[in-house]
Amino acid sequence: MDHDNHPALPPDSPLNSFLNDGMLLLSMPGPRLPSRDPTYYINDGNSVLLVENTLFKVHRSVLTKDKSAFETMFQLSGETDSARSDSSMTTTQEGESDDNPIRLQGDTADEFRALLWALYAL
């Protein structure tokens, strides 16, 4: 059978639809990499947090000023860190880098940005 002599597939052919859907999947962008917040990604900050798809790098001392949930979170983190220091693990701790941020769920990046504005204004 000579393939060069076959007519083109009709536009409404299921095979043509399947091929087009496959092409769409190949051309769809993958997940976006998190972006750094333009205001609250502070170079000398010591805690990296990810809210939605935005990275914030802020000072732990600022987050714990108001005796919020952050104080408890960092106390638990400190206990875990001291337990890990006894072992020979050399992995980056959660919140120390963009690659391993503390992930916050339940808030939008805008809500977290507003909280940071208030905390830094104190």
PDB file of N, CA and C in Angstrom:
ATOM      1  N   MET A   1       0.833  -1.165   0.000  1.00  0.00           N
ATOM      2  CA  MET A   1       0.000   0.000   0.000  1.00  0.00           C
ATOM      3  C   MET A   1       0.887   1.241   0.000  1.00  0.00           C
ATOM      4  N   ASP A   2       0.667   2.158  -0.867  1.00  0.00           N
ATOM      5  CA  ASP A   2       1.477   3.354  -1.012  1.00  0.00           C
ATOM      6  C   ASP A   2       0.893   4.467  -0.148  1.00  0.00           C
ATOM      7  N   HIS A   3       1.622   4.889   0.904  1.00  0.00           N
ATOM      8  CA  HIS A   3       1.129   5.892   1.840  1.00  0.00           C
ATOM      9  C   HIS A   3       1.076   7.274   1.220  1.00  0.00           C
ATOM     10  N   ASP A   4       1.874   7.523   0.196  1.00  0.00           N
ATOM     11  CA  ASP A   4       1.905   8.843  -0.411  1.00  0.00           C
ATOM     12  C   ASP A   4       0.621   9.147  -1.164  1.00  0.00           C
ATOM     13  N   ASN A   5      -0.135   8.146  -1.535  1.00  0.00           N
ATOM     14  CA  ASN A   5      -1.339   8.350  -2.321  1.00  0.00           C
ATOM     15  C   ASN A   5      -2.596   8.468  -1.463  1.00  0.00           C
ATOM     16  N   HIS A   6      -2.491   8.367  -0.124  1.00  0.00           N
ATOM     17  CA  HIS A   6      -3.666   8.492   0.733  1.00  0.00           C
ATOM     18  C   HIS A   6      -4.100   9.942   0.810  1.00  0.00           C
ATOM     19  N   PRO A   7      -5.398  10.166   0.763  1.00  0.00           N
ATOM     20  CA  PRO A   7      -5.867  11.548   0.924  1.00  0.00           C
ATOM     21  C   PRO A   7      -5.629  12.004   2.368  1.00  0.00           C
ATOM     22  N   ALA A   8      -5.588  13.294   2.559  1.00  0.00           N
ATOM     23  CA  ALA A   8      -5.433  13.859   3.903  1.00  0.00           C
ATOM     24  C   ALA A   8      -6.640  13.482   4.745  1.00  0.00           C
ATOM     25  N   LEU A   9      -6.445  13.403   6.049  1.00  0.00           N
ATOM     26  CA  LEU A   9      -7.550  13.089   6.959  1.00  0.00           C
ATOM     27  C   LEU A   9      -8.568  14.213   6.934  1.00  0.00           C
ATOM     28  N   PRO A  10      -9.863  13.857   6.949  1.00  0.00           N
ATOM     29  CA  PRO A  10     -10.872  14.919   7.015  1.00  0.00           C
ATOM     30  C   PRO A  10     -10.735  15.677   8.334  1.00  0.00           C
ATOM     31  N   PRO A  11     -11.108  16.959   8.345  1.00  0.00           N
ATOM     32  CA  PRO A  11     -10.937  17.761   9.558  1.00  0.00           C
ATOM     33  C   PRO A  11     -11.696  17.198  10.764  1.00  0.00           C
ATOM     34  N   ASP A  12     -12.822  16.514  10.542  1.00  0.00           N
ATOM     35  CA  ASP A  12     -13.612  16.009  11.657  1.00  0.00           C
ATOM     36  C   ASP A  12     -13.265  14.562  12.014  1.00  0.00           C
ATOM     37  N   SER A  13     -12.166  14.041  11.482  1.00  0.00           N
ATOM     38  CA  SER A  13     -11.749  12.679  11.772  1.00  0.00           C
ATOM     39  C   SER A  13     -11.333  12.555  13.241  1.00  0.00           C
ATOM     40  N   PRO A  14     -11.753  11.465  13.939  1.00  0.00           N
ATOM     41  CA  PRO A  14     -11.324  11.273  15.328  1.00  0.00           C
ATOM     42  C   PRO A  14      -9.797  11.206  15.468  1.00  0.00           C
ATOM     43  N   LEU A  15      -9.132  10.623  14.477  1.00  0.00           N
ATOM     44  CA  LEU A  15      -7.676  10.548  14.528  1.00  0.00           C
ATOM     45  C   LEU A  15      -7.066  11.944  14.450  1.00  0.00           C
ATOM     46  N   ASN A  16      -7.611  12.783  13.585  1.00  0.00           N
ATOM     47  CA  ASN A  16      -7.124  14.150  13.460  1.00  0.00           C
ATOM     48  C   ASN A  16      -7.341  14.909  14.776  1.00  0.00           C
ATOM     49  N   SER A  17      -8.484  14.711  15.404  1.00  0.00           N
ATOM     50  CA  SER A  17      -8.771  15.356  16.679  1.00  0.00           C
ATOM     51  C   SER A  17      -7.783  14.891  17.742  1.00  0.00           C
ATOM     52  N   PHE A  18      -7.504  13.585  17.774  1.00  0.00           N
ATOM     53  CA  PHE A  18      -6.559  13.023  18.736  1.00  0.00           C
ATOM     54  C   PHE A  18      -5.178  13.634  18.545  1.00  0.00           C
ATOM     55  N   LEU A  19      -4.731  13.738  17.304  1.00  0.00           N
ATOM     56  CA  LEU A  19      -3.416  14.302  17.028  1.00  0.00           C
ATOM     57  C   LEU A  19      -3.347  15.767  17.454  1.00  0.00           C
ATOM     58  N   ASN A  20      -4.398  16.505  17.167  1.00  0.00           N
ATOM     59  CA  ASN A  20      -4.412  17.917  17.559  1.00  0.00           C
ATOM     60  C   ASN A  20      -4.413  18.068  19.078  1.00  0.00           C
ATOM     61  N   ASP A  21      -5.170  17.218  19.790  1.00  0.00           N
ATOM     62  CA  ASP A  21      -5.179  17.274  21.246  1.00  0.00           C
ATOM     63  C   ASP A  21      -3.787  16.974  21.793  1.00  0.00           C
ATOM     64  N   GLY A  22      -3.112  16.024  21.195  1.00  0.00           N
ATOM     65  CA  GLY A  22      -1.759  15.697  21.622  1.00  0.00           C
ATOM     66  C   GLY A  22      -0.817  16.863  21.428  1.00  0.00           C
ATOM     67  N   MET A  23      -0.981  17.570  20.341  1.00  0.00           N
ATOM     68  CA  MET A  23      -0.139  18.728  20.094  1.00  0.00           C
ATOM     69  C   MET A  23      -0.416  19.828  21.113  1.00  0.00           C
ATOM     70  N   LEU A  24      -1.683  19.969  21.482  1.00  0.00           N
ATOM     71  CA  LEU A  24      -2.017  20.974  22.482  1.00  0.00           C
ATOM     72  C   LEU A  24      -1.343  20.656  23.815  1.00  0.00           C
ATOM     73  N   LEU A  25      -1.337  19.392  24.180  1.00  0.00           N
ATOM     74  CA  LEU A  25      -0.715  18.998  25.435  1.00  0.00           C
ATOM     75  C   LEU A  25       0.784  19.276  25.414  1.00  0.00           C
ATOM     76  N   LEU A  26       1.412  19.057  24.264  1.00  0.00           N
ATOM     77  CA  LEU A  26       2.846  19.291  24.160  1.00  0.00           C
ATOM     78  C   LEU A  26       3.179  20.772  24.231  1.00  0.00           C
ATOM     79  N   SER A  27       2.256  21.623  23.771  1.00  0.00           N
ATOM     80  CA  SER A  27       2.565  23.040  23.732  1.00  0.00           C
ATOM     81  C   SER A  27       2.103  23.780  24.981  1.00  0.00           C
ATOM     82  N   MET A  28       1.407  23.099  25.906  1.00  0.00           N
ATOM     83  CA  MET A  28       0.951  23.757  27.119  1.00  0.00           C
ATOM     84  C   MET A  28       2.145  23.990  28.049  1.00  0.00           C
ATOM     85  N   PRO A  29       2.194  25.163  28.675  1.00  0.00           N
ATOM     86  CA  PRO A  29       3.317  25.415  29.582  1.00  0.00           C
ATOM     87  C   PRO A  29       3.208  24.551  30.829  1.00  0.00           C
ATOM     88  N   GLY A  30       4.353  24.220  31.393  1.00  0.00           N
ATOM     89  CA  GLY A  30       4.383  23.436  32.621  1.00  0.00           C
ATOM     90  C   GLY A  30       4.084  24.321  33.815  1.00  0.00           C
ATOM     91  N   PRO A  31       4.216  23.780  35.000  1.00  0.00           N
ATOM     92  CA  PRO A  31       3.965  24.585  36.194  1.00  0.00           C
ATOM     93  C   PRO A  31       4.959  25.736  36.275  1.00  0.00           C
ATOM     94  N   ARG A  32       4.462  26.872  36.695  1.00  0.00           N
ATOM     95  CA  ARG A  32       5.325  28.045  36.808  1.00  0.00           C
ATOM     96  C   ARG A  32       6.229  27.911  38.025  1.00  0.00           C
ATOM     97  N   LEU A  33       7.440  28.369  37.874  1.00  0.00           N
ATOM     98  CA  LEU A  33       8.357  28.414  39.005  1.00  0.00           C
ATOM     99  C   LEU A  33       7.927  29.549  39.920  1.00  0.00           C
ATOM    100  N   PRO A  34       8.112  29.382  41.221  1.00  0.00           N
ATOM    101  CA  PRO A  34       7.751  30.466  42.130  1.00  0.00           C
ATOM    102  C   PRO A  34       8.553  31.726  41.820  1.00  0.00           C
ATOM    103  N   SER A  35       7.914  32.869  42.006  1.00  0.00           N
ATOM    104  CA  SER A  35       8.609  34.140  41.799  1.00  0.00           C
ATOM    105  C   SER A  35       8.841  34.813  43.144  1.00  0.00           C
ATOM    106  N   ARG A  36       9.881  35.601  43.217  1.00  0.00           N
ATOM    107  CA  ARG A  36      10.225  36.316  44.440  1.00  0.00           C
ATOM    108  C   ARG A  36       9.361  37.577  44.541  1.00  0.00           C
ATOM    109  N   ASP A  37       8.828  37.812  45.721  1.00  0.00           N
ATOM    110  CA  ASP A  37       8.044  39.021  45.943  1.00  0.00           C
ATOM    111  C   ASP A  37       8.957  40.235  45.791  1.00  0.00           C
ATOM    112  N   PRO A  38       8.511  41.254  45.044  1.00  0.00           N
ATOM    113  CA  PRO A  38       9.386  42.404  44.803  1.00  0.00           C
ATOM    114  C   PRO A  38       9.663  43.241  46.052  1.00  0.00           C
ATOM    115  N   THR A  39       8.786  43.203  47.047  1.00  0.00           N
ATOM    116  CA  THR A  39       8.974  44.003  48.251  1.00  0.00           C
ATOM    117  C   THR A  39       9.481  43.171  49.421  1.00  0.00           C
ATOM    118  N   TYR A  40       8.893  42.007  49.622  1.00  0.00           N
ATOM    119  CA  TYR A  40       9.189  41.210  50.811  1.00  0.00           C
ATOM    120  C   TYR A  40      10.034  39.972  50.505  1.00  0.00           C
ATOM    121  N   TYR A  41      10.941  40.103  49.555  1.00  0.00           N
ATOM    122  CA  TYR A  41      12.026  39.141  49.410  1.00  0.00           C
ATOM    123  C   TYR A  41      13.263  39.942  49.777  1.00  0.00           C
ATOM    124  N   ILE A  42      13.578  39.929  51.067  1.00  0.00           N
ATOM    125  CA  ILE A  42      14.604  40.798  51.636  1.00  0.00           C
ATOM    126  C   ILE A  42      15.921  40.020  51.709  1.00  0.00           C
ATOM    127  N   ASN A  43      16.955  40.573  51.082  1.00  0.00           N
ATOM    128  CA  ASN A  43      18.229  39.851  50.956  1.00  0.00           C
ATOM    129  C   ASN A  43      18.788  39.356  52.279  1.00  0.00           C
ATOM    130  N   ASP A  44      18.686  40.146  53.343  1.00  0.00           N
ATOM    131  CA  ASP A  44      19.258  39.691  54.608  1.00  0.00           C
ATOM    132  C   ASP A  44      18.224  38.984  55.494  1.00  0.00           C
ATOM    133  N   GLY A  45      17.067  38.661  54.926  1.00  0.00           N
ATOM    134  CA  GLY A  45      16.080  37.878  55.667  1.00  0.00           C
ATOM    135  C   GLY A  45      16.622  36.480  55.938  1.00  0.00           C
ATOM    136  N   ASN A  46      16.047  35.799  56.933  1.00  0.00           N
ATOM    137  CA  ASN A  46      16.565  34.479  57.275  1.00  0.00           C
ATOM    138  C   ASN A  46      15.510  33.376  57.213  1.00  0.00           C
ATOM    139  N   SER A  47      14.339  33.691  56.667  1.00  0.00           N
ATOM    140  CA  SER A  47      13.295  32.676  56.518  1.00  0.00           C
ATOM    141  C   SER A  47      12.610  32.841  55.174  1.00  0.00           C
ATOM    142  N   VAL A  48      12.598  31.761  54.396  1.00  0.00           N
ATOM    143  CA  VAL A  48      11.948  31.776  53.084  1.00  0.00           C
ATOM    144  C   VAL A  48      10.617  31.053  53.208  1.00  0.00           C
ATOM    145  N   LEU A  49       9.548  31.737  52.799  1.00  0.00           N
ATOM    146  CA  LEU A  49       8.208  31.170  52.854  1.00  0.00           C
ATOM    147  C   LEU A  49       7.593  31.208  51.467  1.00  0.00           C
ATOM    148  N   LEU A  50       6.821  30.197  51.153  1.00  0.00           N
ATOM    149  CA  LEU A  50       6.131  30.124  49.871  1.00  0.00           C
ATOM    150  C   LEU A  50       4.633  30.215  50.131  1.00  0.00           C
ATOM    151  N   VAL A  51       4.009  31.230  49.555  1.00  0.00           N
ATOM    152  CA  VAL A  51       2.565  31.409  49.653  1.00  0.00           C
ATOM    153  C   VAL A  51       2.054  31.475  48.225  1.00  0.00           C
ATOM    154  N   GLU A  52       1.116  30.570  47.904  1.00  0.00           N
ATOM    155  CA  GLU A  52       0.677  30.372  46.537  1.00  0.00           C
ATOM    156  C   GLU A  52       1.919  30.089  45.694  1.00  0.00           C
ATOM    157  N   ASN A  53       2.257  30.982  44.771  1.00  0.00           N
ATOM    158  CA  ASN A  53       3.433  30.761  43.926  1.00  0.00           C
ATOM    159  C   ASN A  53       4.442  31.901  44.100  1.00  0.00           C
ATOM    160  N   THR A  54       4.453  32.492  45.314  1.00  0.00           N
ATOM    161  CA  THR A  54       5.314  33.632  45.591  1.00  0.00           C
ATOM    162  C   THR A  54       6.224  33.322  46.767  1.00  0.00           C
ATOM    163  N   LEU A  55       7.507  33.595  46.583  1.00  0.00           N
ATOM    164  CA  LEU A  55       8.499  33.416  47.644  1.00  0.00           C
ATOM    165  C   LEU A  55       8.678  34.727  48.404  1.00  0.00           C
ATOM    166  N   PHE A  56       8.665  34.632  49.724  1.00  0.00           N
ATOM    167  CA  PHE A  56       8.933  35.751  50.604  1.00  0.00           C
ATOM    168  C   PHE A  56      10.158  35.384  51.442  1.00  0.00           C
ATOM    169  N   LYS A  57      11.101  36.309  51.547  1.00  0.00           N
ATOM    170  CA  LYS A  57      12.269  36.081  52.407  1.00  0.00           C
ATOM    171  C   LYS A  57      12.279  37.215  53.420  1.00  0.00           C
ATOM    172  N   VAL A  58      11.969  36.855  54.649  1.00  0.00           N
ATOM    173  CA  VAL A  58      11.776  37.861  55.681  1.00  0.00           C
ATOM    174  C   VAL A  58      12.563  37.488  56.936  1.00  0.00           C
ATOM    175  N   HIS A  59      12.526  38.369  57.893  1.00  0.00           N
ATOM    176  CA  HIS A  59      13.235  38.162  59.155  1.00  0.00           C
ATOM    177  C   HIS A  59      12.334  37.395  60.119  1.00  0.00           C
ATOM    178  N   ARG A  60      12.854  36.327  60.621  1.00  0.00           N
ATOM    179  CA  ARG A  60      12.111  35.499  61.577  1.00  0.00           C
ATOM    180  C   ARG A  60      11.672  36.324  62.783  1.00  0.00           C
ATOM    181  N   SER A  61      12.518  37.233  63.227  1.00  0.00           N
ATOM    182  CA  SER A  61      12.185  38.058  64.396  1.00  0.00           C
ATOM    183  C   SER A  61      10.954  38.933  64.143  1.00  0.00           C
ATOM    184  N   VAL A  62      10.770  39.372  62.919  1.00  0.00           N
ATOM    185  CA  VAL A  62       9.595  40.182  62.586  1.00  0.00           C
ATOM    186  C   VAL A  62       8.336  39.320  62.615  1.00  0.00           C
ATOM    187  N   LEU A  63       8.439  38.107  62.101  1.00  0.00           N
ATOM    188  CA  LEU A  63       7.268  37.220  62.087  1.00  0.00           C
ATOM    189  C   LEU A  63       6.814  36.846  63.496  1.00  0.00           C
ATOM    190  N   THR A  64       7.737  36.773  64.426  1.00  0.00           N
ATOM    191  CA  THR A  64       7.388  36.327  65.779  1.00  0.00           C
ATOM    192  C   THR A  64       7.092  37.489  66.732  1.00  0.00           C
ATOM    193  N   LYS A  65       7.093  38.732  66.257  1.00  0.00           N
ATOM    194  CA  LYS A  65       6.852  39.901  67.094  1.00  0.00           C
ATOM    195  C   LYS A  65       5.522  39.844  67.845  1.00  0.00           C
ATOM    196  N   ASP A  66       4.470  39.426  67.166  1.00  0.00           N
ATOM    197  CA  ASP A  66       3.132  39.557  67.743  1.00  0.00           C
ATOM    198  C   ASP A  66       2.625  38.273  68.407  1.00  0.00           C
ATOM    199  N   LYS A  67       3.508  37.372  68.750  1.00  0.00           N
ATOM    200  CA  LYS A  67       3.128  36.117  69.424  1.00  0.00           C
ATOM    201  C   LYS A  67       2.092  35.338  68.619  1.00  0.00           C
ATOM    202  N   SER A  68       2.255  35.364  67.329  1.00  0.00           N
ATOM    203  CA  SER A  68       1.325  34.666  66.435  1.00  0.00           C
ATOM    204  C   SER A  68       1.712  33.198  66.297  1.00  0.00           C
ATOM    205  N   ALA A  69       1.085  32.537  65.373  1.00  0.00           N
ATOM    206  CA  ALA A  69       1.386  31.133  65.098  1.00  0.00           C
ATOM    207  C   ALA A  69       2.826  30.954  64.632  1.00  0.00           C
ATOM    208  N   PHE A  70       3.439  32.007  64.106  1.00  0.00           N
ATOM    209  CA  PHE A  70       4.816  31.884  63.631  1.00  0.00           C
ATOM    210  C   PHE A  70       5.775  31.591  64.777  1.00  0.00           C
ATOM    211  N   GLU A  71       5.530  32.169  65.944  1.00  0.00           N
ATOM    212  CA  GLU A  71       6.417  31.920  67.077  1.00  0.00           C
ATOM    213  C   GLU A  71       6.426  30.430  67.414  1.00  0.00           C
ATOM    214  N   THR A  72       5.229  29.832  67.483  1.00  0.00           N
ATOM    215  CA  THR A  72       5.118  28.403  67.770  1.00  0.00           C
ATOM    216  C   THR A  72       5.773  27.588  66.668  1.00  0.00           C
ATOM    217  N   MET A  73       5.537  27.985  65.418  1.00  0.00           N
ATOM    218  CA  MET A  73       6.109  27.248  64.294  1.00  0.00           C
ATOM    219  C   MET A  73       7.632  27.257  64.368  1.00  0.00           C
ATOM    220  N   PHE A  74       8.227  28.408  64.675  1.00  0.00           N
ATOM    221  CA  PHE A  74       9.677  28.490  64.729  1.00  0.00           C
ATOM    222  C   PHE A  74      10.241  27.802  65.970  1.00  0.00           C
ATOM    223  N   GLN A  75       9.486  27.775  67.071  1.00  0.00           N
ATOM    224  CA  GLN A  75       9.934  27.029  68.246  1.00  0.00           C
ATOM    225  C   GLN A  75      10.008  25.545  67.914  1.00  0.00           C
ATOM    226  N   LEU A  76       8.968  25.039  67.234  1.00  0.00           N
ATOM    227  CA  LEU A  76       8.974  23.632  66.838  1.00  0.00           C
ATOM    228  C   LEU A  76      10.104  23.360  65.865  1.00  0.00           C
ATOM    229  N   SER A  77      10.342  24.297  64.959  1.00  0.00           N
ATOM    230  CA  SER A  77      11.422  24.157  63.993  1.00  0.00           C
ATOM    231  C   SER A  77      12.770  24.095  64.707  1.00  0.00           C
ATOM    232  N   GLY A  78      12.960  24.917  65.736  1.00  0.00           N
ATOM    233  CA  GLY A  78      14.211  24.921  66.493  1.00  0.00           C
ATOM    234  C   GLY A  78      14.451  23.609  67.205  1.00  0.00           C
ATOM    235  N   GLU A  79      13.373  23.016  67.754  1.00  0.00           N
ATOM    236  CA  GLU A  79      13.506  21.724  68.418  1.00  0.00           C
ATOM    237  C   GLU A  79      13.898  20.654  67.417  1.00  0.00           C
ATOM    238  N   THR A  80      13.303  20.697  66.251  1.00  0.00           N
ATOM    239  CA  THR A  80      13.623  19.730  65.201  1.00  0.00           C
ATOM    240  C   THR A  80      15.056  19.922  64.723  1.00  0.00           C
ATOM    241  N   ASP A  81      15.484  21.189  64.595  1.00  0.00           N
ATOM    242  CA  ASP A  81      16.851  21.478  64.148  1.00  0.00           C
ATOM    243  C   ASP A  81      17.885  20.932  65.122  1.00  0.00           C
ATOM    244  N   SER A  82      17.631  21.087  66.440  1.00  0.00           N
ATOM    245  CA  SER A  82      18.610  20.601  67.407  1.00  0.00           C
ATOM    246  C   SER A  82      18.671  19.079  67.399  1.00  0.00           C
ATOM    247  N   ALA A  83      17.542  18.433  67.161  1.00  0.00           N
ATOM    248  CA  ALA A  83      17.544  16.971  67.065  1.00  0.00           C
ATOM    249  C   ALA A  83      18.306  16.521  65.828  1.00  0.00           C
ATOM    250  N   ARG A  84      18.190  17.297  64.753  1.00  0.00           N
ATOM    251  CA  ARG A  84      18.884  16.932  63.513  1.00  0.00           C
ATOM    252  C   ARG A  84      20.368  17.206  63.613  1.00  0.00           C
ATOM    253  N   SER A  85      20.770  18.197  64.416  1.00  0.00           N
ATOM    254  CA  SER A  85      22.193  18.518  64.495  1.00  0.00           C
ATOM    255  C   SER A  85      22.981  17.373  65.120  1.00  0.00           C
ATOM    256  N   ASP A  86      22.293  16.516  65.858  1.00  0.00           N
ATOM    257  CA  ASP A  86      22.968  15.353  66.430  1.00  0.00           C
ATOM    258  C   ASP A  86      23.316  14.322  65.367  1.00  0.00           C
ATOM    259  N   SER A  87      22.577  14.338  64.271  1.00  0.00           N
ATOM    260  CA  SER A  87      22.858  13.391  63.189  1.00  0.00           C
ATOM    261  C   SER A  87      23.804  14.037  62.198  1.00  0.00           C
ATOM    262  N   SER A  88      24.220  13.293  61.192  1.00  0.00           N
ATOM    263  CA  SER A  88      25.175  13.831  60.222  1.00  0.00           C
ATOM    264  C   SER A  88      24.482  14.307  58.949  1.00  0.00           C
ATOM    265  N   MET A  89      23.213  14.680  59.052  1.00  0.00           N
ATOM    266  CA  MET A  89      22.484  15.153  57.866  1.00  0.00           C
ATOM    267  C   MET A  89      22.996  16.531  57.465  1.00  0.00           C
ATOM    268  N   THR A  90      23.186  16.744  56.174  1.00  0.00           N
ATOM    269  CA  THR A  90      23.662  18.027  55.691  1.00  0.00           C
ATOM    270  C   THR A  90      22.654  18.678  54.756  1.00  0.00           C
ATOM    271  N   THR A  91      21.401  18.259  54.796  1.00  0.00           N
ATOM    272  CA  THR A  91      20.392  18.834  53.922  1.00  0.00           C
ATOM    273  C   THR A  91      19.980  20.210  54.429  1.00  0.00           C
ATOM    274  N   THR A  92      19.504  21.037  53.505  1.00  0.00           N
ATOM    275  CA  THR A  92      19.035  22.359  53.849  1.00  0.00           C
ATOM    276  C   THR A  92      17.736  22.247  54.635  1.00  0.00           C
ATOM    277  N   GLN A  93      17.656  22.962  55.743  1.00  0.00           N
ATOM    278  CA  GLN A  93      16.463  22.936  56.579  1.00  0.00           C
ATOM    279  C   GLN A  93      15.334  23.713  55.897  1.00  0.00           C
ATOM    280  N   GLU A  94      14.118  23.341  56.209  1.00  0.00           N
ATOM    281  CA  GLU A  94      12.956  24.027  55.651  1.00  0.00           C
ATOM    282  C   GLU A  94      13.021  25.511  56.012  1.00  0.00           C
ATOM    283  N   GLY A  95      12.834  26.346  55.003  1.00  0.00           N
ATOM    284  CA  GLY A  95      12.829  27.783  55.217  1.00  0.00           C
ATOM    285  C   GLY A  95      14.174  28.462  55.043  1.00  0.00           C
ATOM    286  N   GLU A  96      15.216  27.696  54.767  1.00  0.00           N
ATOM    287  CA  GLU A  96      16.549  28.287  54.633  1.00  0.00           C
ATOM    288  C   GLU A  96      16.928  28.647  53.207  1.00  0.00           C
ATOM    289  N   SER A  97      16.137  28.188  52.230  1.00  0.00           N
ATOM    290  CA  SER A  97      16.485  28.484  50.837  1.00  0.00           C
ATOM    291  C   SER A  97      15.225  28.507  49.976  1.00  0.00           C
ATOM    292  N   ASP A  98      15.372  29.050  48.775  1.00  0.00           N
ATOM    293  CA  ASP A  98      14.272  29.063  47.816  1.00  0.00           C
ATOM    294  C   ASP A  98      13.871  27.647  47.420  1.00  0.00           C
ATOM    295  N   ASP A  99      14.832  26.731  47.456  1.00  0.00           N
ATOM    296  CA  ASP A  99      14.559  25.353  47.052  1.00  0.00           C
ATOM    297  C   ASP A  99      13.790  24.564  48.105  1.00  0.00           C
ATOM    298  N   ASN A 100      13.794  25.032  49.342  1.00  0.00           N
ATOM    299  CA  ASN A 100      13.113  24.323  50.427  1.00  0.00           C
ATOM    300  C   ASN A 100      12.410  25.333  51.350  1.00  0.00           C
ATOM    301  N   PRO A 101      11.414  26.061  50.801  1.00  0.00           N
ATOM    302  CA  PRO A 101      10.750  27.087  51.613  1.00  0.00           C
ATOM    303  C   PRO A 101       9.747  26.477  52.581  1.00  0.00           C
ATOM    304  N   ILE A 102       9.355  27.255  53.583  1.00  0.00           N
ATOM    305  CA  ILE A 102       8.232  26.890  54.430  1.00  0.00           C
ATOM    306  C   ILE A 102       6.978  27.186  53.617  1.00  0.00           C
ATOM    307  N   ARG A 103       6.140  26.198  53.445  1.00  0.00           N
ATOM    308  CA  ARG A 103       4.938  26.368  52.626  1.00  0.00           C
ATOM    309  C   ARG A 103       3.752  26.718  53.509  1.00  0.00           C
ATOM    310  N   LEU A 104       3.134  27.863  53.212  1.00  0.00           N
ATOM    311  CA  LEU A 104       1.959  28.289  53.965  1.00  0.00           C
ATOM    312  C   LEU A 104       0.715  28.039  53.116  1.00  0.00           C
ATOM    313  N   GLN A 105      -0.251  27.391  53.716  1.00  0.00           N
ATOM    314  CA  GLN A 105      -1.496  27.063  53.018  1.00  0.00           C
ATOM    315  C   GLN A 105      -2.630  27.911  53.600  1.00  0.00           C
ATOM    316  N   GLY A 106      -3.627  28.189  52.795  1.00  0.00           N
ATOM    317  CA  GLY A 106      -4.837  28.830  53.293  1.00  0.00           C
ATOM    318  C   GLY A 106      -4.880  30.337  53.136  1.00  0.00           C
ATOM    319  N   ASP A 107      -3.778  30.962  52.787  1.00  0.00           N
ATOM    320  CA  ASP A 107      -3.752  32.404  52.565  1.00  0.00           C
ATOM    321  C   ASP A 107      -3.295  32.674  51.141  1.00  0.00           C
ATOM    322  N   THR A 108      -3.703  33.829  50.630  1.00  0.00           N
ATOM    323  CA  THR A 108      -3.209  34.242  49.323  1.00  0.00           C
ATOM    324  C   THR A 108      -1.913  35.028  49.522  1.00  0.00           C
ATOM    325  N   ALA A 109      -1.173  35.179  48.454  1.00  0.00           N
ATOM    326  CA  ALA A 109       0.058  35.967  48.518  1.00  0.00           C
ATOM    327  C   ALA A 109      -0.262  37.410  48.906  1.00  0.00           C
ATOM    328  N   ASP A 110      -1.374  37.947  48.411  1.00  0.00           N
ATOM    329  CA  ASP A 110      -1.764  39.319  48.761  1.00  0.00           C
ATOM    330  C   ASP A 110      -2.083  39.448  50.245  1.00  0.00           C
ATOM    331  N   GLU A 111      -2.752  38.456  50.819  1.00  0.00           N
ATOM    332  CA  GLU A 111      -3.065  38.491  52.255  1.00  0.00           C
ATOM    333  C   GLU A 111      -1.787  38.428  53.085  1.00  0.00           C
ATOM    334  N   PHE A 112      -0.860  37.567  52.687  1.00  0.00           N
ATOM    335  CA  PHE A 112       0.394  37.447  53.425  1.00  0.00           C
ATOM    336  C   PHE A 112       1.219  38.718  53.291  1.00  0.00           C
ATOM    337  N   ARG A 113       1.203  39.322  52.110  1.00  0.00           N
ATOM    338  CA  ARG A 113       1.915  40.580  51.880  1.00  0.00           C
ATOM    339  C   ARG A 113       1.348  41.676  52.795  1.00  0.00           C
ATOM    340  N   ALA A 114       0.024  41.701  52.960  1.00  0.00           N
ATOM    341  CA  ALA A 114      -0.607  42.691  53.841  1.00  0.00           C
ATOM    342  C   ALA A 114      -0.194  42.460  55.295  1.00  0.00           C
ATOM    343  N   LEU A 115      -0.113  41.199  55.714  1.00  0.00           N
ATOM    344  CA  LEU A 115       0.353  40.882  57.062  1.00  0.00           C
ATOM    345  C   LEU A 115       1.791  41.359  57.249  1.00  0.00           C
ATOM    346  N   LEU A 116       2.631  41.097  56.269  1.00  0.00           N
ATOM    347  CA  LEU A 116       4.028  41.537  56.375  1.00  0.00           C
ATOM    348  C   LEU A 116       4.124  43.055  56.433  1.00  0.00           C
ATOM    349  N   TRP A 117       3.297  43.735  55.668  1.00  0.00           N
ATOM    350  CA  TRP A 117       3.290  45.204  55.708  1.00  0.00           C
ATOM    351  C   TRP A 117       3.012  45.664  57.129  1.00  0.00           C
ATOM    352  N   ALA A 118       1.991  45.065  57.764  1.00  0.00           N
ATOM    353  CA  ALA A 118       1.629  45.453  59.130  1.00  0.00           C
ATOM    354  C   ALA A 118       2.744  45.108  60.124  1.00  0.00           C
ATOM    355  N   LEU A 119       3.330  43.940  59.997  1.00  0.00           N
ATOM    356  CA  LEU A 119       4.388  43.533  60.929  1.00  0.00           C
ATOM    357  C   LEU A 119       5.630  44.404  60.795  1.00  0.00           C
ATOM    358  N   TYR A 120       6.017  44.718  59.570  1.00  0.00           N
ATOM    359  CA  TYR A 120       7.196  45.553  59.375  1.00  0.00           C
ATOM    360  C   TYR A 120       6.915  47.000  59.745  1.00  0.00           C
ATOM    361  N   ALA A 121       5.656  47.423  59.705  1.00  0.00           N
ATOM    362  CA  ALA A 121       5.295  48.802  60.088  1.00  0.00           C
ATOM    363  C   ALA A 121       5.400  48.994  61.589  1.00  0.00           C
ATOM    364  N   LEU A 122       5.301  47.893  62.372  1.00  0.00           N
ATOM    365  CA  LEU A 122       5.429  48.010  63.835  1.00  0.00           C
ATOM    366  C   LEU A 122       6.824  48.479  64.167  1.00  0.00           C
TER     367      LEU A 122
END
